[in-house]
Amino acid sequence: MNSLENSLNKIAEIILPIDEASLTSLWDKYKKKVEQFSGSAEWEKAVIIFSIINAVRTKNAILNEKILKNNPSHKTKRPEISKEKPYLKLVK
């Protein structure tokens, strides 16, 4: 594994233990920062942070779906997704 992969693995190890609720509480803040394009280093960091938040949310959604599919005895009611804002949003 090269140093880039090592760095990415370390980042993933730091992010994985963070609970989704904590990250989701920051979603609106970073969405707004990303929408206000400036091309600055701060804007670039905001894009990365916003992407990380969405990545964790996506990972958890896939994980939960697979767990429910593979273990029907643990079926629970899925959380309702707010119709006010999309769960994930494409940022151009």
C-alpha atoms as a PDB file:
ATOM      1  CA  MET A   1       0.000   0.000   0.000  1.00  0.00           C
ATOM      2  CA  ASN A   2       1.438   3.377  -0.973  1.00  0.00           C
ATOM      3  CA  SER A   3       1.482   6.497   1.202  1.00  0.00           C
ATOM      4  CA  LEU A   4      -1.627   7.947  -0.458  1.00  0.00           C
ATOM      5  CA  GLU A   5      -3.603   4.816   0.357  1.00  0.00           C
ATOM      6  CA  ASN A   6      -2.192   4.825   3.883  1.00  0.00           C
ATOM      7  CA  SER A   7      -3.329   8.420   4.331  1.00  0.00           C
ATOM      8  CA  LEU A   8      -6.812   7.650   3.017  1.00  0.00           C
ATOM      9  CA  ASN A   9      -7.060   4.614   5.289  1.00  0.00           C
ATOM     10  CA  LYS A  10      -6.111   6.745   8.301  1.00  0.00           C
ATOM     11  CA  ILE A  11      -8.779   9.292   7.355  1.00  0.00           C
ATOM     12  CA  ALA A  12     -11.371   6.504   7.070  1.00  0.00           C
ATOM     13  CA  GLU A  13     -10.363   5.106  10.473  1.00  0.00           C
ATOM     14  CA  ILE A  14     -10.905   8.538  12.013  1.00  0.00           C
ATOM     15  CA  ILE A  15     -14.284   9.074  10.327  1.00  0.00           C
ATOM     16  CA  LEU A  16     -15.860   5.624  10.779  1.00  0.00           C
ATOM     17  CA  PRO A  17     -16.468   5.908  14.539  1.00  0.00           C
ATOM     18  CA  ILE A  18     -18.269   9.259  14.186  1.00  0.00           C
ATOM     19  CA  ASP A  19     -21.998   8.738  14.476  1.00  0.00           C
ATOM     20  CA  GLU A  20     -24.201   9.792  11.587  1.00  0.00           C
ATOM     21  CA  ALA A  21     -26.377  12.046  13.747  1.00  0.00           C
ATOM     22  CA  SER A  22     -23.390  14.197  14.667  1.00  0.00           C
ATOM     23  CA  LEU A  23     -22.391  14.529  11.035  1.00  0.00           C
ATOM     24  CA  THR A  24     -25.942  15.133   9.848  1.00  0.00           C
ATOM     25  CA  SER A  25     -26.252  18.056  12.228  1.00  0.00           C
ATOM     26  CA  LEU A  26     -23.537  19.753  10.135  1.00  0.00           C
ATOM     27  CA  TRP A  27     -25.101  18.903   6.749  1.00  0.00           C
ATOM     28  CA  ASP A  28     -26.998  22.190   6.267  1.00  0.00           C
ATOM     29  CA  LYS A  29     -24.024  24.290   7.333  1.00  0.00           C
ATOM     30  CA  TYR A  30     -21.687  22.723   4.778  1.00  0.00           C
ATOM     31  CA  LYS A  31     -24.346  22.541   2.081  1.00  0.00           C
ATOM     32  CA  LYS A  32     -24.672  26.321   2.314  1.00  0.00           C
ATOM     33  CA  LYS A  33     -20.903  26.800   2.218  1.00  0.00           C
ATOM     34  CA  VAL A  34     -20.623  24.601  -0.879  1.00  0.00           C
ATOM     35  CA  GLU A  35     -23.434  26.454  -2.618  1.00  0.00           C
ATOM     36  CA  GLN A  36     -21.624  29.758  -2.067  1.00  0.00           C
ATOM     37  CA  PHE A  37     -18.787  29.076  -4.491  1.00  0.00           C
ATOM     38  CA  SER A  38     -15.634  31.052  -3.872  1.00  0.00           C
ATOM     39  CA  GLY A  39     -12.865  28.772  -5.086  1.00  0.00           C
ATOM     40  CA  SER A  40     -10.968  29.473  -1.859  1.00  0.00           C
ATOM     41  CA  ALA A  41      -9.188  26.892   0.275  1.00  0.00           C
ATOM     42  CA  GLU A  42     -12.016  27.196   2.816  1.00  0.00           C
ATOM     43  CA  TRP A  43     -14.620  26.466   0.134  1.00  0.00           C
ATOM     44  CA  GLU A  44     -12.586  23.436  -1.034  1.00  0.00           C
ATOM     45  CA  LYS A  45     -12.468  22.122   2.546  1.00  0.00           C
ATOM     46  CA  ALA A  46     -16.224  22.621   2.833  1.00  0.00           C
ATOM     47  CA  VAL A  47     -16.747  20.526  -0.319  1.00  0.00           C
ATOM     48  CA  ILE A  48     -14.630  17.719   1.138  1.00  0.00           C
ATOM     49  CA  ILE A  49     -16.438  17.860   4.492  1.00  0.00           C
ATOM     50  CA  PHE A  50     -19.841  17.882   2.768  1.00  0.00           C
ATOM     51  CA  SER A  51     -18.772  14.896   0.677  1.00  0.00           C
ATOM     52  CA  ILE A  52     -17.589  13.013   3.766  1.00  0.00           C
ATOM     53  CA  ILE A  53     -20.919  13.626   5.497  1.00  0.00           C
ATOM     54  CA  ASN A  54     -22.773  12.302   2.447  1.00  0.00           C
ATOM     55  CA  ALA A  55     -20.392   9.339   2.179  1.00  0.00           C
ATOM     56  CA  VAL A  56     -21.071   8.297   5.775  1.00  0.00           C
ATOM     57  CA  ARG A  57     -24.816   8.664   5.256  1.00  0.00           C
ATOM     58  CA  THR A  58     -24.625   6.580   2.080  1.00  0.00           C
ATOM     59  CA  LYS A  59     -22.466   3.918   3.760  1.00  0.00           C
ATOM     60  CA  ASN A  60     -24.943   3.635   6.636  1.00  0.00           C
ATOM     61  CA  ALA A  61     -27.937   3.435   4.295  1.00  0.00           C
ATOM     62  CA  ILE A  62     -26.314   0.610   2.303  1.00  0.00           C
ATOM     63  CA  LEU A  63     -25.211  -1.177   5.473  1.00  0.00           C
ATOM     64  CA  ASN A  64     -28.679  -0.956   7.033  1.00  0.00           C
ATOM     65  CA  GLU A  65     -30.338  -2.159   3.836  1.00  0.00           C
ATOM     66  CA  LYS A  66     -28.019  -5.177   3.588  1.00  0.00           C
ATOM     67  CA  ILE A  67     -28.450  -6.036   7.269  1.00  0.00           C
ATOM     68  CA  LEU A  68     -32.239  -5.922   6.963  1.00  0.00           C
ATOM     69  CA  LYS A  69     -32.164  -7.940   3.746  1.00  0.00           C
ATOM     70  CA  ASN A  70     -29.880 -10.615   5.170  1.00  0.00           C
ATOM     71  CA  ASN A  71     -31.495 -10.824   8.593  1.00  0.00           C
ATOM     72  CA  PRO A  72     -35.292 -10.556   8.348  1.00  0.00           C
ATOM     73  CA  SER A  73     -35.709 -11.165  12.102  1.00  0.00           C
ATOM     74  CA  HIS A  74     -34.240  -7.707  12.735  1.00  0.00           C
ATOM     75  CA  LYS A  75     -36.670  -5.898  10.488  1.00  0.00           C
ATOM     76  CA  THR A  76     -37.617  -2.572  11.920  1.00  0.00           C
ATOM     77  CA  LYS A  77     -39.560   0.308  10.536  1.00  0.00           C
ATOM     78  CA  ARG A  78     -37.325   2.353   8.250  1.00  0.00           C
ATOM     79  CA  PRO A  79     -36.874   5.940   9.280  1.00  0.00           C
ATOM     80  CA  GLU A  80     -38.963   8.270   7.218  1.00  0.00           C
ATOM     81  CA  ILE A  81     -36.930  10.470   4.919  1.00  0.00           C
ATOM     82  CA  SER A  82     -37.896  14.101   5.090  1.00  0.00           C
ATOM     83  CA  LYS A  83     -39.636  15.318   1.963  1.00  0.00           C
ATOM     84  CA  GLU A  84     -38.414  18.846   2.669  1.00  0.00           C
ATOM     85  CA  LYS A  85     -34.800  18.205   1.685  1.00  0.00           C
ATOM     86  CA  PRO A  86     -33.337  15.299  -0.234  1.00  0.00           C
ATOM     87  CA  TYR A  87     -31.303  12.683   1.581  1.00  0.00           C
ATOM     88  CA  LEU A  88     -28.438  13.221  -0.849  1.00  0.00           C
ATOM     89  CA  LYS A  89     -28.025  16.059  -3.261  1.00  0.00           C
ATOM     90  CA  LEU A  90     -25.828  16.436  -6.308  1.00  0.00           C
ATOM     91  CA  VAL A  91     -23.621  19.490  -5.980  1.00  0.00           C
ATOM     92  CA  LYS A  92     -22.295  20.917  -9.208  1.00  0.00           C
END
